[in-house]
């Protein structure tokens, strides 16, 4: 008898998601459609007002919004002519933002990814390599500050600097110790 009561009892707690969707208040779609669409130049200026972009990066970001009648290359040429867009300023921005934390190789690779010209990349790489040891020492001293006492500590500190893109020669100079004044005056050929 008890079995029949169990079978006939309806299932009470069955979890199911609601199929109702949230409805927007009336007129919400009308507000969105009344808002004027930004022009391609407006979008470009919006991006450039937030931070510097390379020409290739801005072109990639604007590509989905290009209409048939608009020419992206013409717009980019106009932005460069009016000094809104500049690969040189973009390079300066990247170097200023990243040079205090990473090595020249990381910065050069980032500039290559953003499609900056080869001549500008070479020039920037040369300038960064002149201060590589001093920058590596500054990064290392913020993290460690004391020379390694054994091979395990040396390996750990070397991995730390290598992960930030500093070259093997630079890492060896930093972990060897020495006078900071020598690093600031060193030439890249040493």
C-alpha atoms as a PDB file:
ATOM      1  CA  UNK A   1       0.000   0.000   0.000  1.00  0.00           C
ATOM      2  CA  UNK A   2       2.651   2.520   0.795  1.00  0.00           C
ATOM      3  CA  UNK A   3       4.173   1.893  -2.611  1.00  0.00           C
ATOM      4  CA  UNK A   4       1.065   3.068  -4.433  1.00  0.00           C
ATOM      5  CA  UNK A   5       1.084   6.350  -2.496  1.00  0.00           C
ATOM      6  CA  UNK A   6       4.635   7.011  -3.568  1.00  0.00           C
ATOM      7  CA  UNK A   7       3.914   6.336  -7.216  1.00  0.00           C
ATOM      8  CA  UNK A   8       0.806   8.508  -7.372  1.00  0.00           C
ATOM      9  CA  UNK A   9       2.377  11.462  -5.561  1.00  0.00           C
ATOM     10  CA  UNK A  10       3.394  14.166  -8.026  1.00  0.00           C
ATOM     11  CA  UNK A  11       6.992  15.217  -8.138  1.00  0.00           C
ATOM     12  CA  UNK A  12       7.257  18.402  -6.180  1.00  0.00           C
ATOM     13  CA  UNK A  13      10.750  19.841  -6.490  1.00  0.00           C
ATOM     14  CA  UNK A  14      11.961  19.631 -10.033  1.00  0.00           C
ATOM     15  CA  UNK A  15      14.300  22.422 -11.024  1.00  0.00           C
ATOM     16  CA  UNK A  16      13.824  23.977 -14.416  1.00  0.00           C
ATOM     17  CA  UNK A  17      14.992  27.254 -15.821  1.00  0.00           C
ATOM     18  CA  UNK A  18      12.466  29.840 -16.661  1.00  0.00           C
ATOM     19  CA  UNK A  19      11.901  30.259 -20.362  1.00  0.00           C
ATOM     20  CA  UNK A  20      10.715  33.790 -19.929  1.00  0.00           C
ATOM     21  CA  UNK A  21      13.063  36.419 -21.198  1.00  0.00           C
ATOM     22  CA  UNK A  22      13.454  39.867 -19.829  1.00  0.00           C
ATOM     23  CA  UNK A  23      11.579  42.331 -21.878  1.00  0.00           C
ATOM     24  CA  UNK A  24      12.882  45.754 -22.633  1.00  0.00           C
ATOM     25  CA  UNK A  25      10.643  48.632 -21.686  1.00  0.00           C
ATOM     26  CA  UNK A  26       8.597  49.998 -24.560  1.00  0.00           C
ATOM     27  CA  UNK A  27      10.532  52.543 -26.543  1.00  0.00           C
ATOM     28  CA  UNK A  28      14.004  51.209 -25.637  1.00  0.00           C
ATOM     29  CA  UNK A  29      14.631  50.057 -29.196  1.00  0.00           C
ATOM     30  CA  UNK A  30      13.370  53.366 -30.519  1.00  0.00           C
ATOM     31  CA  UNK A  31      15.940  55.235 -28.403  1.00  0.00           C
ATOM     32  CA  UNK A  32      18.764  53.079 -29.723  1.00  0.00           C
ATOM     33  CA  UNK A  33      17.709  53.518 -33.321  1.00  0.00           C
ATOM     34  CA  UNK A  34      17.343  57.300 -32.970  1.00  0.00           C
ATOM     35  CA  UNK A  35      20.933  57.599 -31.808  1.00  0.00           C
ATOM     36  CA  UNK A  36      23.047  58.615 -34.783  1.00  0.00           C
ATOM     37  CA  UNK A  37      25.680  56.157 -35.880  1.00  0.00           C
ATOM     38  CA  UNK A  38      29.232  57.421 -35.497  1.00  0.00           C
ATOM     39  CA  UNK A  39      31.114  58.061 -38.689  1.00  0.00           C
ATOM     40  CA  UNK A  40      34.311  56.217 -39.446  1.00  0.00           C
ATOM     41  CA  UNK A  41      36.308  59.340 -38.643  1.00  0.00           C
ATOM     42  CA  UNK A  42      34.405  59.712 -35.357  1.00  0.00           C
ATOM     43  CA  UNK A  43      35.287  56.151 -34.394  1.00  0.00           C
ATOM     44  CA  UNK A  44      38.937  56.711 -35.341  1.00  0.00           C
ATOM     45  CA  UNK A  45      39.134  59.888 -33.266  1.00  0.00           C
ATOM     46  CA  UNK A  46      37.478  58.065 -30.378  1.00  0.00           C
ATOM     47  CA  UNK A  47      40.163  55.375 -30.451  1.00  0.00           C
ATOM     48  CA  UNK A  48      42.947  57.935 -30.792  1.00  0.00           C
ATOM     49  CA  UNK A  49      41.629  60.051 -27.933  1.00  0.00           C
ATOM     50  CA  UNK A  50      42.056  57.115 -25.551  1.00  0.00           C
ATOM     51  CA  UNK A  51      45.629  56.183 -26.499  1.00  0.00           C
ATOM     52  CA  UNK A  52      48.101  56.215 -29.373  1.00  0.00           C
ATOM     53  CA  UNK A  53      47.593  53.602 -32.103  1.00  0.00           C
ATOM     54  CA  UNK A  54      49.785  52.499 -34.972  1.00  0.00           C
ATOM     55  CA  UNK A  55      48.361  52.904 -38.463  1.00  0.00           C
ATOM     56  CA  UNK A  56      48.009  49.150 -38.932  1.00  0.00           C
ATOM     57  CA  UNK A  57      46.296  48.696 -35.559  1.00  0.00           C
ATOM     58  CA  UNK A  58      43.799  51.501 -36.200  1.00  0.00           C
ATOM     59  CA  UNK A  59      43.100  50.124 -39.665  1.00  0.00           C
ATOM     60  CA  UNK A  60      42.358  46.695 -38.188  1.00  0.00           C
ATOM     61  CA  UNK A  61      40.007  48.168 -35.575  1.00  0.00           C
ATOM     62  CA  UNK A  62      38.090  50.281 -38.103  1.00  0.00           C
ATOM     63  CA  UNK A  63      37.769  47.608 -40.808  1.00  0.00           C
ATOM     64  CA  UNK A  64      34.426  46.172 -39.542  1.00  0.00           C
ATOM     65  CA  UNK A  65      32.810  49.629 -39.730  1.00  0.00           C
ATOM     66  CA  UNK A  66      33.861  50.549 -43.274  1.00  0.00           C
ATOM     67  CA  UNK A  67      30.910  51.220 -45.587  1.00  0.00           C
ATOM     68  CA  UNK A  68      31.118  50.862 -49.350  1.00  0.00           C
ATOM     69  CA  UNK A  69      31.326  54.604 -49.988  1.00  0.00           C
ATOM     70  CA  UNK A  70      34.087  55.219 -47.427  1.00  0.00           C
ATOM     71  CA  UNK A  71      37.766  54.700 -48.021  1.00  0.00           C
ATOM     72  CA  UNK A  72      39.768  53.637 -44.985  1.00  0.00           C
ATOM     73  CA  UNK A  73      43.160  54.448 -46.498  1.00  0.00           C
ATOM     74  CA  UNK A  74      42.026  57.961 -47.377  1.00  0.00           C
ATOM     75  CA  UNK A  75      40.853  58.493 -43.806  1.00  0.00           C
ATOM     76  CA  UNK A  76      44.130  57.191 -42.350  1.00  0.00           C
ATOM     77  CA  UNK A  77      46.119  59.457 -44.687  1.00  0.00           C
ATOM     78  CA  UNK A  78      43.998  62.419 -43.582  1.00  0.00           C
ATOM     79  CA  UNK A  79      44.523  61.565 -39.883  1.00  0.00           C
ATOM     80  CA  UNK A  80      48.289  61.361 -40.406  1.00  0.00           C
ATOM     81  CA  UNK A  81      48.313  64.648 -42.333  1.00  0.00           C
ATOM     82  CA  UNK A  82      46.380  66.354 -39.506  1.00  0.00           C
ATOM     83  CA  UNK A  83      48.771  64.814 -36.906  1.00  0.00           C
ATOM     84  CA  UNK A  84      46.088  62.745 -35.200  1.00  0.00           C
ATOM     85  CA  UNK A  85      47.831  59.500 -36.128  1.00  0.00           C
ATOM     86  CA  UNK A  86      51.583  58.966 -35.840  1.00  0.00           C
ATOM     87  CA  UNK A  87      53.641  55.782 -35.737  1.00  0.00           C
ATOM     88  CA  UNK A  88      56.480  57.749 -34.101  1.00  0.00           C
ATOM     89  CA  UNK A  89      54.243  58.830 -31.213  1.00  0.00           C
ATOM     90  CA  UNK A  90      52.940  55.277 -30.918  1.00  0.00           C
ATOM     91  CA  UNK A  91      56.514  53.973 -30.587  1.00  0.00           C
ATOM     92  CA  UNK A  92      57.323  56.607 -27.955  1.00  0.00           C
ATOM     93  CA  UNK A  93      54.184  55.630 -26.061  1.00  0.00           C
ATOM     94  CA  UNK A  94      55.042  51.917 -26.069  1.00  0.00           C
ATOM     95  CA  UNK A  95      58.648  52.572 -25.029  1.00  0.00           C
ATOM     96  CA  UNK A  96      57.573  54.922 -22.242  1.00  0.00           C
ATOM     97  CA  UNK A  97      55.008  52.411 -20.965  1.00  0.00           C
ATOM     98  CA  UNK A  98      57.107  49.239 -21.195  1.00  0.00           C
ATOM     99  CA  UNK A  99      60.830  50.108 -21.020  1.00  0.00           C
ATOM    100  CA  UNK A 100      60.936  50.257 -17.230  1.00  0.00           C
ATOM    101  CA  UNK A 101      59.745  46.664 -16.911  1.00  0.00           C
ATOM    102  CA  UNK A 102      60.836  44.631 -19.933  1.00  0.00           C
ATOM    103  CA  UNK A 103      63.794  44.140 -22.235  1.00  0.00           C
ATOM    104  CA  UNK A 104      64.350  45.491 -25.723  1.00  0.00           C
ATOM    105  CA  UNK A 105      63.379  42.206 -27.396  1.00  0.00           C
ATOM    106  CA  UNK A 106      59.877  42.303 -25.914  1.00  0.00           C
ATOM    107  CA  UNK A 107      59.338  45.899 -26.991  1.00  0.00           C
ATOM    108  CA  UNK A 108      60.682  45.297 -30.501  1.00  0.00           C
ATOM    109  CA  UNK A 109      58.399  42.266 -30.913  1.00  0.00           C
ATOM    110  CA  UNK A 110      55.408  44.298 -29.735  1.00  0.00           C
ATOM    111  CA  UNK A 111      56.203  47.001 -32.283  1.00  0.00           C
ATOM    112  CA  UNK A 112      56.445  44.364 -35.020  1.00  0.00           C
ATOM    113  CA  UNK A 113      53.028  42.981 -34.029  1.00  0.00           C
ATOM    114  CA  UNK A 114      51.538  46.453 -34.354  1.00  0.00           C
ATOM    115  CA  UNK A 115      52.916  46.903 -37.870  1.00  0.00           C
ATOM    116  CA  UNK A 116      55.335  49.747 -37.237  1.00  0.00           C
ATOM    117  CA  UNK A 117      57.903  50.301 -40.011  1.00  0.00           C
ATOM    118  CA  UNK A 118      61.190  48.384 -40.002  1.00  0.00           C
ATOM    119  CA  UNK A 119      63.386  51.499 -39.925  1.00  0.00           C
ATOM    120  CA  UNK A 120      61.558  52.837 -36.869  1.00  0.00           C
ATOM    121  CA  UNK A 121      61.823  49.443 -35.150  1.00  0.00           C
ATOM    122  CA  UNK A 122      65.589  49.224 -35.808  1.00  0.00           C
ATOM    123  CA  UNK A 123      66.158  52.760 -34.524  1.00  0.00           C
ATOM    124  CA  UNK A 124      64.136  52.071 -31.364  1.00  0.00           C
ATOM    125  CA  UNK A 125      65.889  48.735 -30.778  1.00  0.00           C
ATOM    126  CA  UNK A 126      69.292  50.436 -31.043  1.00  0.00           C
ATOM    127  CA  UNK A 127      68.318  53.102 -28.517  1.00  0.00           C
ATOM    128  CA  UNK A 128      66.910  50.526 -26.100  1.00  0.00           C
ATOM    129  CA  UNK A 129      69.978  48.288 -26.321  1.00  0.00           C
ATOM    130  CA  UNK A 130      72.166  51.168 -25.118  1.00  0.00           C
ATOM    131  CA  UNK A 131      70.335  51.267 -21.773  1.00  0.00           C
ATOM    132  CA  UNK A 132      69.466  47.569 -21.526  1.00  0.00           C
ATOM    133  CA  UNK A 133      71.793  46.719 -18.632  1.00  0.00           C
ATOM    134  CA  UNK A 134      70.785  49.730 -16.552  1.00  0.00           C
ATOM    135  CA  UNK A 135      67.086  48.964 -17.080  1.00  0.00           C
ATOM    136  CA  UNK A 136      67.625  45.285 -16.251  1.00  0.00           C
ATOM    137  CA  UNK A 137      69.482  46.243 -13.080  1.00  0.00           C
ATOM    138  CA  UNK A 138      66.614  48.534 -12.051  1.00  0.00           C
ATOM    139  CA  UNK A 139      64.048  45.754 -12.586  1.00  0.00           C
ATOM    140  CA  UNK A 140      66.241  43.238 -10.765  1.00  0.00           C
ATOM    141  CA  UNK A 141      66.944  45.547  -7.803  1.00  0.00           C
ATOM    142  CA  UNK A 142      63.228  46.272  -7.277  1.00  0.00           C
ATOM    143  CA  UNK A 143      62.566  42.535  -7.000  1.00  0.00           C
ATOM    144  CA  UNK A 144      65.725  41.186  -5.340  1.00  0.00           C
ATOM    145  CA  UNK A 145      68.309  43.852  -4.523  1.00  0.00           C
ATOM    146  CA  UNK A 146      70.992  41.437  -3.294  1.00  0.00           C
ATOM    147  CA  UNK A 147      73.277  39.266  -5.373  1.00  0.00           C
ATOM    148  CA  UNK A 148      72.514  35.527  -5.368  1.00  0.00           C
ATOM    149  CA  UNK A 149      74.310  33.473  -2.728  1.00  0.00           C
ATOM    150  CA  UNK A 150      74.080  30.079  -4.458  1.00  0.00           C
ATOM    151  CA  UNK A 151      73.349  28.577  -7.858  1.00  0.00           C
ATOM    152  CA  UNK A 152      69.641  28.042  -7.106  1.00  0.00           C
ATOM    153  CA  UNK A 153      69.135  31.723  -6.303  1.00  0.00           C
ATOM    154  CA  UNK A 154      71.184  32.698  -9.343  1.00  0.00           C
ATOM    155  CA  UNK A 155      69.026  30.521 -11.603  1.00  0.00           C
ATOM    156  CA  UNK A 156      65.836  31.941 -10.088  1.00  0.00           C
ATOM    157  CA  UNK A 157      66.977  35.534 -10.603  1.00  0.00           C
ATOM    158  CA  UNK A 158      68.190  34.758 -14.132  1.00  0.00           C
ATOM    159  CA  UNK A 159      64.798  33.222 -15.023  1.00  0.00           C
ATOM    160  CA  UNK A 160      63.080  36.303 -13.627  1.00  0.00           C
ATOM    161  CA  UNK A 161      65.081  38.607 -15.903  1.00  0.00           C
ATOM    162  CA  UNK A 162      64.806  36.272 -18.905  1.00  0.00           C
ATOM    163  CA  UNK A 163      61.023  36.156 -18.533  1.00  0.00           C
ATOM    164  CA  UNK A 164      61.007  39.933 -18.905  1.00  0.00           C
ATOM    165  CA  UNK A 165      62.885  39.745 -22.190  1.00  0.00           C
ATOM    166  CA  UNK A 166      66.409  40.701 -21.184  1.00  0.00           C
ATOM    167  CA  UNK A 167      69.269  39.063 -23.109  1.00  0.00           C
ATOM    168  CA  UNK A 168      71.622  36.477 -21.637  1.00  0.00           C
ATOM    169  CA  UNK A 169      74.601  38.845 -21.709  1.00  0.00           C
ATOM    170  CA  UNK A 170      72.643  41.509 -19.882  1.00  0.00           C
ATOM    171  CA  UNK A 171      71.477  39.010 -17.264  1.00  0.00           C
ATOM    172  CA  UNK A 172      75.066  37.865 -16.689  1.00  0.00           C
ATOM    173  CA  UNK A 173      76.243  41.456 -16.199  1.00  0.00           C
ATOM    174  CA  UNK A 174      73.488  42.207 -13.699  1.00  0.00           C
ATOM    175  CA  UNK A 175      73.969  39.024 -11.677  1.00  0.00           C
ATOM    176  CA  UNK A 176      77.753  39.431 -11.685  1.00  0.00           C
ATOM    177  CA  UNK A 177      77.361  42.727  -9.869  1.00  0.00           C
ATOM    178  CA  UNK A 178      79.646  45.669 -10.326  1.00  0.00           C
ATOM    179  CA  UNK A 179      79.357  49.406 -10.475  1.00  0.00           C
ATOM    180  CA  UNK A 180      76.132  50.934 -11.787  1.00  0.00           C
ATOM    181  CA  UNK A 181      78.015  53.849 -13.303  1.00  0.00           C
ATOM    182  CA  UNK A 182      79.698  51.432 -15.736  1.00  0.00           C
ATOM    183  CA  UNK A 183      76.293  50.227 -16.975  1.00  0.00           C
ATOM    184  CA  UNK A 184      75.013  53.704 -17.660  1.00  0.00           C
ATOM    185  CA  UNK A 185      78.053  54.545 -19.773  1.00  0.00           C
ATOM    186  CA  UNK A 186      78.429  51.240 -21.589  1.00  0.00           C
ATOM    187  CA  UNK A 187      78.261  50.999 -25.339  1.00  0.00           C
ATOM    188  CA  UNK A 188      76.069  48.369 -27.016  1.00  0.00           C
ATOM    189  CA  UNK A 189      79.106  46.741 -28.654  1.00  0.00           C
ATOM    190  CA  UNK A 190      80.601  45.573 -25.349  1.00  0.00           C
END
